[in-house]
Amino acid sequence: MAAPHATSSASSDGKSELRLGEIFWRGLDGISVDKSEAIRWYRKSEERQHLGAILKLAHIYDFESGAAPDYEEAFRWYKQAADFAIFRPNTVSATATS
């Protein structure tokens, strides 16, 4: 099956980009797993300041970056998520990763 067609303008809040990242990360909806493409979409979502994407990137570098975790990169993303929660508390909720 062909990759879904989408652009970064598909969503103003990053949810669509986050969903595309999940599709490529997990190989959902008939799409083959493509971790590089998933990370590209997570980063597009992060550019729109979607907390779920920031946390997913932190998790990837902490636990799933290949042979060895990249703790420095993971820390950078976790710090960005913490800063997001501190400086934009009204935008953080229990559903931040959805």
PDB file of N, CA and C in Angstrom:
ATOM      1  N   MET A   1       0.842  -1.175   0.000  1.00  0.00           N
ATOM      2  CA  MET A   1       0.000   0.000   0.000  1.00  0.00           C
ATOM      3  C   MET A   1       0.885   1.235   0.000  1.00  0.00           C
ATOM      4  N   ALA A   2       0.489   2.255  -0.712  1.00  0.00           N
ATOM      5  CA  ALA A   2       1.257   3.494  -0.788  1.00  0.00           C
ATOM      6  C   ALA A   2       1.178   4.259   0.523  1.00  0.00           C
ATOM      7  N   ALA A   3       2.195   5.064   0.770  1.00  0.00           N
ATOM      8  CA  ALA A   3       2.218   5.896   1.976  1.00  0.00           C
ATOM      9  C   ALA A   3       1.112   6.934   1.906  1.00  0.00           C
ATOM     10  N   PRO A   4       0.530   7.280   3.058  1.00  0.00           N
ATOM     11  CA  PRO A   4      -0.523   8.285   3.054  1.00  0.00           C
ATOM     12  C   PRO A   4       0.023   9.629   2.606  1.00  0.00           C
ATOM     13  N   HIS A   5      -0.769  10.351   1.853  1.00  0.00           N
ATOM     14  CA  HIS A   5      -0.360  11.662   1.385  1.00  0.00           C
ATOM     15  C   HIS A   5      -0.784  12.698   2.421  1.00  0.00           C
ATOM     16  N   ALA A   6       0.160  13.456   2.889  1.00  0.00           N
ATOM     17  CA  ALA A   6      -0.142  14.504   3.863  1.00  0.00           C
ATOM     18  C   ALA A   6       0.931  15.566   3.785  1.00  0.00           C
ATOM     19  N   THR A   7       0.591  16.742   4.231  1.00  0.00           N
ATOM     20  CA  THR A   7       1.552  17.834   4.296  1.00  0.00           C
ATOM     21  C   THR A   7       1.549  18.383   5.698  1.00  0.00           C
ATOM     22  N   SER A   8       2.566  19.149   6.030  1.00  0.00           N
ATOM     23  CA  SER A   8       2.632  19.704   7.369  1.00  0.00           C
ATOM     24  C   SER A   8       1.522  20.711   7.627  1.00  0.00           C
ATOM     25  N   SER A   9       0.856  21.177   6.589  1.00  0.00           N
ATOM     26  CA  SER A   9      -0.244  22.106   6.788  1.00  0.00           C
ATOM     27  C   SER A   9      -1.554  21.384   7.058  1.00  0.00           C
ATOM     28  N   ALA A  10      -1.510  20.060   7.175  1.00  0.00           N
ATOM     29  CA  ALA A  10      -2.724  19.283   7.372  1.00  0.00           C
ATOM     30  C   ALA A  10      -3.375  19.561   8.721  1.00  0.00           C
ATOM     31  N   SER A  11      -2.618  20.028   9.676  1.00  0.00           N
ATOM     32  CA  SER A  11      -3.151  20.256  11.007  1.00  0.00           C
ATOM     33  C   SER A  11      -2.461  21.445  11.637  1.00  0.00           C
ATOM     34  N   SER A  12      -3.219  22.267  12.318  1.00  0.00           N
ATOM     35  CA  SER A  12      -2.612  23.422  12.962  1.00  0.00           C
ATOM     36  C   SER A  12      -2.086  23.078  14.346  1.00  0.00           C
ATOM     37  N   ASP A  13      -2.440  21.912  14.884  1.00  0.00           N
ATOM     38  CA  ASP A  13      -2.013  21.578  16.243  1.00  0.00           C
ATOM     39  C   ASP A  13      -1.089  20.369  16.331  1.00  0.00           C
ATOM     40  N   GLY A  14      -0.707  19.806  15.231  1.00  0.00           N
ATOM     41  CA  GLY A  14       0.251  18.710  15.218  1.00  0.00           C
ATOM     42  C   GLY A  14      -0.346  17.324  15.384  1.00  0.00           C
ATOM     43  N   LYS A  15      -1.645  17.209  15.598  1.00  0.00           N
ATOM     44  CA  LYS A  15      -2.238  15.881  15.805  1.00  0.00           C
ATOM     45  C   LYS A  15      -2.127  14.994  14.571  1.00  0.00           C
ATOM     46  N   SER A  16      -2.328  15.567  13.407  1.00  0.00           N
ATOM     47  CA  SER A  16      -2.238  14.765  12.177  1.00  0.00           C
ATOM     48  C   SER A  16      -0.821  14.255  11.963  1.00  0.00           C
ATOM     49  N   GLU A  17       0.155  15.109  12.210  1.00  0.00           N
ATOM     50  CA  GLU A  17       1.545  14.703  12.057  1.00  0.00           C
ATOM     51  C   GLU A  17       1.903  13.621  13.069  1.00  0.00           C
ATOM     52  N   LEU A  18       1.416  13.771  14.298  1.00  0.00           N
ATOM     53  CA  LEU A  18       1.664  12.761  15.321  1.00  0.00           C
ATOM     54  C   LEU A  18       1.058  11.426  14.896  1.00  0.00           C
ATOM     55  N   ARG A  19      -0.138  11.455  14.372  1.00  0.00           N
ATOM     56  CA  ARG A  19      -0.812  10.226  13.912  1.00  0.00           C
ATOM     57  C   ARG A  19      -0.025   9.572  12.770  1.00  0.00           C
ATOM     58  N   LEU A  20       0.457  10.378  11.832  1.00  0.00           N
ATOM     59  CA  LEU A  20       1.266   9.823  10.748  1.00  0.00           C
ATOM     60  C   LEU A  20       2.543   9.193  11.295  1.00  0.00           C
ATOM     61  N   GLY A  21       3.146   9.833  12.284  1.00  0.00           N
ATOM     62  CA  GLY A  21       4.317   9.250  12.934  1.00  0.00           C
ATOM     63  C   GLY A  21       4.006   7.882  13.511  1.00  0.00           C
ATOM     64  N   GLU A  22       2.864   7.781  14.189  1.00  0.00           N
ATOM     65  CA  GLU A  22       2.462   6.501  14.770  1.00  0.00           C
ATOM     66  C   GLU A  22       2.214   5.441  13.694  1.00  0.00           C
ATOM     67  N   ILE A  23       1.601   5.864  12.602  1.00  0.00           N
ATOM     68  CA  ILE A  23       1.346   4.923  11.505  1.00  0.00           C
ATOM     69  C   ILE A  23       2.654   4.337  10.988  1.00  0.00           C
ATOM     70  N   PHE A  24       3.647   5.188  10.753  1.00  0.00           N
ATOM     71  CA  PHE A  24       4.933   4.706  10.252  1.00  0.00           C
ATOM     72  C   PHE A  24       5.721   3.961  11.325  1.00  0.00           C
ATOM     73  N   TRP A  25       5.633   4.397  12.581  1.00  0.00           N
ATOM     74  CA  TRP A  25       6.395   3.760  13.659  1.00  0.00           C
ATOM     75  C   TRP A  25       5.924   2.325  13.882  1.00  0.00           C
ATOM     76  N   ARG A  26       4.608   2.148  13.872  1.00  0.00           N
ATOM     77  CA  ARG A  26       4.029   0.846  14.178  1.00  0.00           C
ATOM     78  C   ARG A  26       3.667   0.013  12.953  1.00  0.00           C
ATOM     79  N   GLY A  27       3.669   0.622  11.782  1.00  0.00           N
ATOM     80  CA  GLY A  27       3.259  -0.085  10.584  1.00  0.00           C
ATOM     81  C   GLY A  27       1.762  -0.338  10.565  1.00  0.00           C
ATOM     82  N   LEU A  28       1.000   0.694  10.807  1.00  0.00           N
ATOM     83  CA  LEU A  28      -0.464   0.583  10.864  1.00  0.00           C
ATOM     84  C   LEU A  28      -1.104   0.856   9.508  1.00  0.00           C
ATOM     85  N   ASP A  29      -2.365   0.517   9.405  1.00  0.00           N
ATOM     86  CA  ASP A  29      -3.175   0.829   8.220  1.00  0.00           C
ATOM     87  C   ASP A  29      -2.551   0.328   6.919  1.00  0.00           C
ATOM     88  N   GLY A  30      -1.861  -0.816   6.978  1.00  0.00           N
ATOM     89  CA  GLY A  30      -1.265  -1.393   5.777  1.00  0.00           C
ATOM     90  C   GLY A  30       0.044  -0.752   5.348  1.00  0.00           C
ATOM     91  N   ILE A  31       0.567   0.157   6.141  1.00  0.00           N
ATOM     92  CA  ILE A  31       1.833   0.839   5.827  1.00  0.00           C
ATOM     93  C   ILE A  31       2.982   0.066   6.469  1.00  0.00           C
ATOM     94  N   SER A  32       4.062  -0.106   5.753  1.00  0.00           N
ATOM     95  CA  SER A  32       5.242  -0.774   6.297  1.00  0.00           C
ATOM     96  C   SER A  32       5.894   0.094   7.360  1.00  0.00           C
ATOM     97  N   VAL A  33       6.498  -0.559   8.346  1.00  0.00           N
ATOM     98  CA  VAL A  33       7.238   0.161   9.383  1.00  0.00           C
ATOM     99  C   VAL A  33       8.376   0.927   8.720  1.00  0.00           C
ATOM    100  N   ASP A  34       8.480   2.207   9.056  1.00  0.00           N
ATOM    101  CA  ASP A  34       9.549   3.061   8.540  1.00  0.00           C
ATOM    102  C   ASP A  34       9.886   4.056   9.647  1.00  0.00           C
ATOM    103  N   LYS A  35      10.858   3.687  10.487  1.00  0.00           N
ATOM    104  CA  LYS A  35      11.199   4.488  11.669  1.00  0.00           C
ATOM    105  C   LYS A  35      11.717   5.878  11.286  1.00  0.00           C
ATOM    106  N   SER A  36      12.483   5.974  10.211  1.00  0.00           N
ATOM    107  CA  SER A  36      12.996   7.286   9.787  1.00  0.00           C
ATOM    108  C   SER A  36      11.855   8.208   9.387  1.00  0.00           C
ATOM    109  N   GLU A  37      10.903   7.671   8.651  1.00  0.00           N
ATOM    110  CA  GLU A  37       9.742   8.464   8.240  1.00  0.00           C
ATOM    111  C   GLU A  37       8.899   8.835   9.455  1.00  0.00           C
ATOM    112  N   ALA A  38       8.777   7.919  10.403  1.00  0.00           N
ATOM    113  CA  ALA A  38       8.028   8.203  11.630  1.00  0.00           C
ATOM    114  C   ALA A  38       8.660   9.366  12.385  1.00  0.00           C
ATOM    115  N   ILE A  39       9.973   9.321  12.534  1.00  0.00           N
ATOM    116  CA  ILE A  39      10.660  10.398  13.260  1.00  0.00           C
ATOM    117  C   ILE A  39      10.491  11.721  12.530  1.00  0.00           C
ATOM    118  N   ARG A  40      10.515  11.682  11.207  1.00  0.00           N
ATOM    119  CA  ARG A  40      10.291  12.913  10.436  1.00  0.00           C
ATOM    120  C   ARG A  40       8.921  13.512  10.776  1.00  0.00           C
ATOM    121  N   TRP A  41       7.886  12.680  10.860  1.00  0.00           N
ATOM    122  CA  TRP A  41       6.543  13.178  11.184  1.00  0.00           C
ATOM    123  C   TRP A  41       6.440  13.605  12.638  1.00  0.00           C
ATOM    124  N   TYR A  42       7.096  12.881  13.549  1.00  0.00           N
ATOM    125  CA  TYR A  42       7.101  13.320  14.952  1.00  0.00           C
ATOM    126  C   TYR A  42       7.742  14.697  15.078  1.00  0.00           C
ATOM    127  N   ARG A  43       8.818  14.921  14.335  1.00  0.00           N
ATOM    128  CA  ARG A  43       9.475  16.230  14.390  1.00  0.00           C
ATOM    129  C   ARG A  43       8.583  17.331  13.817  1.00  0.00           C
ATOM    130  N   LYS A  44       7.824  17.022  12.773  1.00  0.00           N
ATOM    131  CA  LYS A  44       6.882  18.008  12.236  1.00  0.00           C
ATOM    132  C   LYS A  44       5.820  18.345  13.281  1.00  0.00           C
ATOM    133  N   SER A  45       5.354  17.338  13.997  1.00  0.00           N
ATOM    134  CA  SER A  45       4.381  17.569  15.053  1.00  0.00           C
ATOM    135  C   SER A  45       5.007  18.379  16.187  1.00  0.00           C
ATOM    136  N   GLU A  46       6.247  18.053  16.519  1.00  0.00           N
ATOM    137  CA  GLU A  46       6.957  18.797  17.570  1.00  0.00           C
ATOM    138  C   GLU A  46       7.131  20.251  17.180  1.00  0.00           C
ATOM    139  N   GLU A  47       7.364  20.523  15.913  1.00  0.00           N
ATOM    140  CA  GLU A  47       7.505  21.912  15.454  1.00  0.00           C
ATOM    141  C   GLU A  47       6.230  22.711  15.721  1.00  0.00           C
ATOM    142  N   ARG A  48       5.112  22.015  15.789  1.00  0.00           N
ATOM    143  CA  ARG A  48       3.826  22.647  16.112  1.00  0.00           C
ATOM    144  C   ARG A  48       3.556  22.599  17.612  1.00  0.00           C
ATOM    145  N   GLN A  49       4.587  22.227  18.361  1.00  0.00           N
ATOM    146  CA  GLN A  49       4.570  22.187  19.822  1.00  0.00           C
ATOM    147  C   GLN A  49       3.524  21.227  20.375  1.00  0.00           C
ATOM    148  N   HIS A  50       3.434  20.050  19.778  1.00  0.00           N
ATOM    149  CA  HIS A  50       2.543  19.014  20.286  1.00  0.00           C
ATOM    150  C   HIS A  50       3.302  18.215  21.342  1.00  0.00           C
ATOM    151  N   LEU A  51       2.831  18.265  22.579  1.00  0.00           N
ATOM    152  CA  LEU A  51       3.527  17.616  23.681  1.00  0.00           C
ATOM    153  C   LEU A  51       3.677  16.116  23.460  1.00  0.00           C
ATOM    154  N   GLY A  52       2.688  15.476  22.896  1.00  0.00           N
ATOM    155  CA  GLY A  52       2.782  14.040  22.638  1.00  0.00           C
ATOM    156  C   GLY A  52       3.954  13.690  21.747  1.00  0.00           C
ATOM    157  N   ALA A  53       4.205  14.511  20.735  1.00  0.00           N
ATOM    158  CA  ALA A  53       5.337  14.272  19.835  1.00  0.00           C
ATOM    159  C   ALA A  53       6.663  14.484  20.555  1.00  0.00           C
ATOM    160  N   ILE A  54       6.721  15.496  21.396  1.00  0.00           N
ATOM    161  CA  ILE A  54       7.949  15.766  22.159  1.00  0.00           C
ATOM    162  C   ILE A  54       8.257  14.573  23.063  1.00  0.00           C
ATOM    163  N   LEU A  55       7.234  14.073  23.749  1.00  0.00           N
ATOM    164  CA  LEU A  55       7.441  12.921  24.632  1.00  0.00           C
ATOM    165  C   LEU A  55       7.790  11.660  23.850  1.00  0.00           C
ATOM    166  N   LYS A  56       7.190  11.473  22.685  1.00  0.00           N
ATOM    167  CA  LYS A  56       7.513  10.300  21.858  1.00  0.00           C
ATOM    168  C   LYS A  56       8.976  10.347  21.418  1.00  0.00           C
ATOM    169  N   LEU A  57       9.449  11.513  21.006  1.00  0.00           N
ATOM    170  CA  LEU A  57      10.849  11.647  20.608  1.00  0.00           C
ATOM    171  C   LEU A  57      11.777  11.360  21.789  1.00  0.00           C
ATOM    172  N   ALA A  58      11.426  11.843  22.967  1.00  0.00           N
ATOM    173  CA  ALA A  58      12.231  11.552  24.159  1.00  0.00           C
ATOM    174  C   ALA A  58      12.288  10.049  24.399  1.00  0.00           C
ATOM    175  N   HIS A  59      11.148   9.398  24.303  1.00  0.00           N
ATOM    176  CA  HIS A  59      11.089   7.955  24.520  1.00  0.00           C
ATOM    177  C   HIS A  59      11.911   7.189  23.482  1.00  0.00           C
ATOM    178  N   ILE A  60      11.833   7.612  22.247  1.00  0.00           N
ATOM    179  CA  ILE A  60      12.595   6.949  21.185  1.00  0.00           C
ATOM    180  C   ILE A  60      14.087   6.996  21.499  1.00  0.00           C
ATOM    181  N   TYR A  61      14.594   8.174  21.851  1.00  0.00           N
ATOM    182  CA  TYR A  61      16.027   8.296  22.106  1.00  0.00           C
ATOM    183  C   TYR A  61      16.435   7.656  23.434  1.00  0.00           C
ATOM    184  N   ASP A  62      15.502   7.549  24.356  1.00  0.00           N
ATOM    185  CA  ASP A  62      15.789   6.939  25.648  1.00  0.00           C
ATOM    186  C   ASP A  62      15.801   5.414  25.556  1.00  0.00           C
ATOM    187  N   PHE A  63      14.868   4.852  24.794  1.00  0.00           N
ATOM    188  CA  PHE A  63      14.691   3.400  24.807  1.00  0.00           C
ATOM    189  C   PHE A  63      14.793   2.711  23.449  1.00  0.00           C
ATOM    190  N   GLU A  64      14.587   3.438  22.340  1.00  0.00           N
ATOM    191  CA  GLU A  64      14.419   2.755  21.063  1.00  0.00           C
ATOM    192  C   GLU A  64      15.283   3.301  19.932  1.00  0.00           C
ATOM    193  N   SER A  65      16.422   3.873  20.239  1.00  0.00           N
ATOM    194  CA  SER A  65      17.225   4.502  19.186  1.00  0.00           C
ATOM    195  C   SER A  65      18.191   3.550  18.504  1.00  0.00           C
ATOM    196  N   GLY A  66      18.025   2.285  18.689  1.00  0.00           N
ATOM    197  CA  GLY A  66      18.909   1.328  18.027  1.00  0.00           C
ATOM    198  C   GLY A  66      19.670   0.496  19.033  1.00  0.00           C
ATOM    199  N   ALA A  67      20.930   0.253  18.748  1.00  0.00           N
ATOM    200  CA  ALA A  67      21.743  -0.618  19.591  1.00  0.00           C
ATOM    201  C   ALA A  67      21.933  -0.051  21.000  1.00  0.00           C
ATOM    202  N   ALA A  68      22.111   1.262  21.102  1.00  0.00           N
ATOM    203  CA  ALA A  68      22.328   1.872  22.408  1.00  0.00           C
ATOM    204  C   ALA A  68      21.489   3.149  22.514  1.00  0.00           C
ATOM    205  N   PRO A  69      20.916   3.379  23.680  1.00  0.00           N
ATOM    206  CA  PRO A  69      20.138   4.605  23.861  1.00  0.00           C
ATOM    207  C   PRO A  69      21.025   5.838  23.711  1.00  0.00           C
ATOM    208  N   ASP A  70      20.433   6.929  23.303  1.00  0.00           N
ATOM    209  CA  ASP A  70      21.131   8.208  23.208  1.00  0.00           C
ATOM    210  C   ASP A  70      20.585   9.083  24.341  1.00  0.00           C
ATOM    211  N   TYR A  71      21.190   8.969  25.507  1.00  0.00           N
ATOM    212  CA  TYR A  71      20.668   9.634  26.695  1.00  0.00           C
ATOM    213  C   TYR A  71      20.744  11.156  26.603  1.00  0.00           C
ATOM    214  N   GLU A  72      21.762  11.674  25.955  1.00  0.00           N
ATOM    215  CA  GLU A  72      21.853  13.134  25.802  1.00  0.00           C
ATOM    216  C   GLU A  72      20.692  13.667  24.980  1.00  0.00           C
ATOM    217  N   GLU A  73      20.399  12.990  23.871  1.00  0.00           N
ATOM    218  CA  GLU A  73      19.293  13.419  23.018  1.00  0.00           C
ATOM    219  C   GLU A  73      17.962  13.213  23.745  1.00  0.00           C
ATOM    220  N   ALA A  74      17.829  12.105  24.452  1.00  0.00           N
ATOM    221  CA  ALA A  74      16.606  11.854  25.230  1.00  0.00           C
ATOM    222  C   ALA A  74      16.410  12.948  26.270  1.00  0.00           C
ATOM    223  N   PHE A  75      17.479  13.301  26.980  1.00  0.00           N
ATOM    224  CA  PHE A  75      17.385  14.349  28.001  1.00  0.00           C
ATOM    225  C   PHE A  75      16.928  15.672  27.388  1.00  0.00           C
ATOM    226  N   ARG A  76      17.474  15.994  26.221  1.00  0.00           N
ATOM    227  CA  ARG A  76      17.089  17.236  25.548  1.00  0.00           C
ATOM    228  C   ARG A  76      15.580  17.273  25.285  1.00  0.00           C
ATOM    229  N   TRP A  77      15.034  16.142  24.822  1.00  0.00           N
ATOM    230  CA  TRP A  77      13.592  16.091  24.549  1.00  0.00           C
ATOM    231  C   TRP A  77      12.771  16.099  25.830  1.00  0.00           C
ATOM    232  N   TYR A  78      13.228  15.363  26.862  1.00  0.00           N
ATOM    233  CA  TYR A  78      12.499  15.390  28.143  1.00  0.00           C
ATOM    234  C   TYR A  78      12.497  16.799  28.736  1.00  0.00           C
ATOM    235  N   LYS A  79      13.618  17.484  28.618  1.00  0.00           N
ATOM    236  CA  LYS A  79      13.691  18.858  29.128  1.00  0.00           C
ATOM    237  C   LYS A  79      12.730  19.760  28.364  1.00  0.00           C
ATOM    238  N   GLN A  80      12.677  19.580  27.046  1.00  0.00           N
ATOM    239  CA  GLN A  80      11.749  20.384  26.251  1.00  0.00           C
ATOM    240  C   GLN A  80      10.304  20.114  26.687  1.00  0.00           C
ATOM    241  N   ALA A  81       9.979  18.866  26.962  1.00  0.00           N
ATOM    242  CA  ALA A  81       8.626  18.527  27.421  1.00  0.00           C
ATOM    243  C   ALA A  81       8.347  19.161  28.782  1.00  0.00           C
ATOM    244  N   ALA A  82       9.329  19.107  29.678  1.00  0.00           N
ATOM    245  CA  ALA A  82       9.153  19.721  30.999  1.00  0.00           C
ATOM    246  C   ALA A  82       8.986  21.230  30.873  1.00  0.00           C
ATOM    247  N   ASP A  83       9.805  21.857  30.051  1.00  0.00           N
ATOM    248  CA  ASP A  83       9.686  23.304  29.839  1.00  0.00           C
ATOM    249  C   ASP A  83       8.325  23.649  29.257  1.00  0.00           C
ATOM    250  N   PHE A  84       7.855  22.825  28.362  1.00  0.00           N
ATOM    251  CA  PHE A  84       6.540  23.036  27.759  1.00  0.00           C
ATOM    252  C   PHE A  84       5.474  23.026  28.846  1.00  0.00           C
ATOM    253  N   ALA A  85       5.550  22.042  29.729  1.00  0.00           N
ATOM    254  CA  ALA A  85       4.557  21.916  30.801  1.00  0.00           C
ATOM    255  C   ALA A  85       4.659  23.062  31.798  1.00  0.00           C
ATOM    256  N   ILE A  86       5.866  23.539  32.058  1.00  0.00           N
ATOM    257  CA  ILE A  86       6.055  24.632  33.020  1.00  0.00           C
ATOM    258  C   ILE A  86       5.583  25.956  32.439  1.00  0.00           C
ATOM    259  N   PHE A  87       5.960  26.237  31.214  1.00  0.00           N
ATOM    260  CA  PHE A  87       5.681  27.546  30.636  1.00  0.00           C
ATOM    261  C   PHE A  87       4.346  27.627  29.907  1.00  0.00           C
ATOM    262  N   ARG A  88       3.694  26.486  29.675  1.00  0.00           N
ATOM    263  CA  ARG A  88       2.382  26.482  29.019  1.00  0.00           C
ATOM    264  C   ARG A  88       1.447  25.532  29.759  1.00  0.00           C
ATOM    265  N   PRO A  89       1.292  25.710  31.080  1.00  0.00           N
ATOM    266  CA  PRO A  89       0.541  24.730  31.869  1.00  0.00           C
ATOM    267  C   PRO A  89      -0.919  24.582  31.465  1.00  0.00           C
ATOM    268  N   ASN A  90      -1.527  25.598  30.919  1.00  0.00           N
ATOM    269  CA  ASN A  90      -2.930  25.500  30.538  1.00  0.00           C
ATOM    270  C   ASN A  90      -3.147  24.643  29.299  1.00  0.00           C
ATOM    271  N   THR A  91      -2.069  24.303  28.596  1.00  0.00           N
ATOM    272  CA  THR A  91      -2.203  23.488  27.392  1.00  0.00           C
ATOM    273  C   THR A  91      -1.899  22.017  27.654  1.00  0.00           C
ATOM    274  N   VAL A  92      -1.470  21.693  28.865  1.00  0.00           N
ATOM    275  CA  VAL A  92      -1.107  20.327  29.203  1.00  0.00           C
ATOM    276  C   VAL A  92      -2.278  19.689  29.936  1.00  0.00           C
ATOM    277  N   SER A  93      -2.645  18.495  29.483  1.00  0.00           N
ATOM    278  CA  SER A  93      -3.740  17.772  30.132  1.00  0.00           C
ATOM    279  C   SER A  93      -3.411  16.290  30.163  1.00  0.00           C
ATOM    280  N   ALA A  94      -4.293  15.538  30.729  1.00  0.00           N
ATOM    281  CA  ALA A  94      -4.110  14.086  30.777  1.00  0.00           C
ATOM    282  C   ALA A  94      -4.119  13.479  29.383  1.00  0.00           C
ATOM    283  N   THR A  95      -4.656  14.191  28.410  1.00  0.00           N
ATOM    284  CA  THR A  95      -4.701  13.674  27.049  1.00  0.00           C
ATOM    285  C   THR A  95      -3.640  14.315  26.167  1.00  0.00           C
ATOM    286  N   ALA A  96      -2.563  14.789  26.750  1.00  0.00           N
ATOM    287  CA  ALA A  96      -1.528  15.491  25.991  1.00  0.00           C
ATOM    288  C   ALA A  96      -0.896  14.619  24.914  1.00  0.00           C
ATOM    289  N   THR A  97      -0.913  13.331  25.109  1.00  0.00           N
ATOM    290  CA  THR A  97      -0.272  12.452  24.132  1.00  0.00           C
ATOM    291  C   THR A  97      -1.245  11.898  23.115  1.00  0.00           C
ATOM    292  N   SER A  98      -2.453  12.366  23.125  1.00  0.00           N
ATOM    293  CA  SER A  98      -3.410  11.849  22.133  1.00  0.00           C
ATOM    294  C   SER A  98      -3.591  12.803  20.987  1.00  0.00           C
TER     295      SER A  98
END
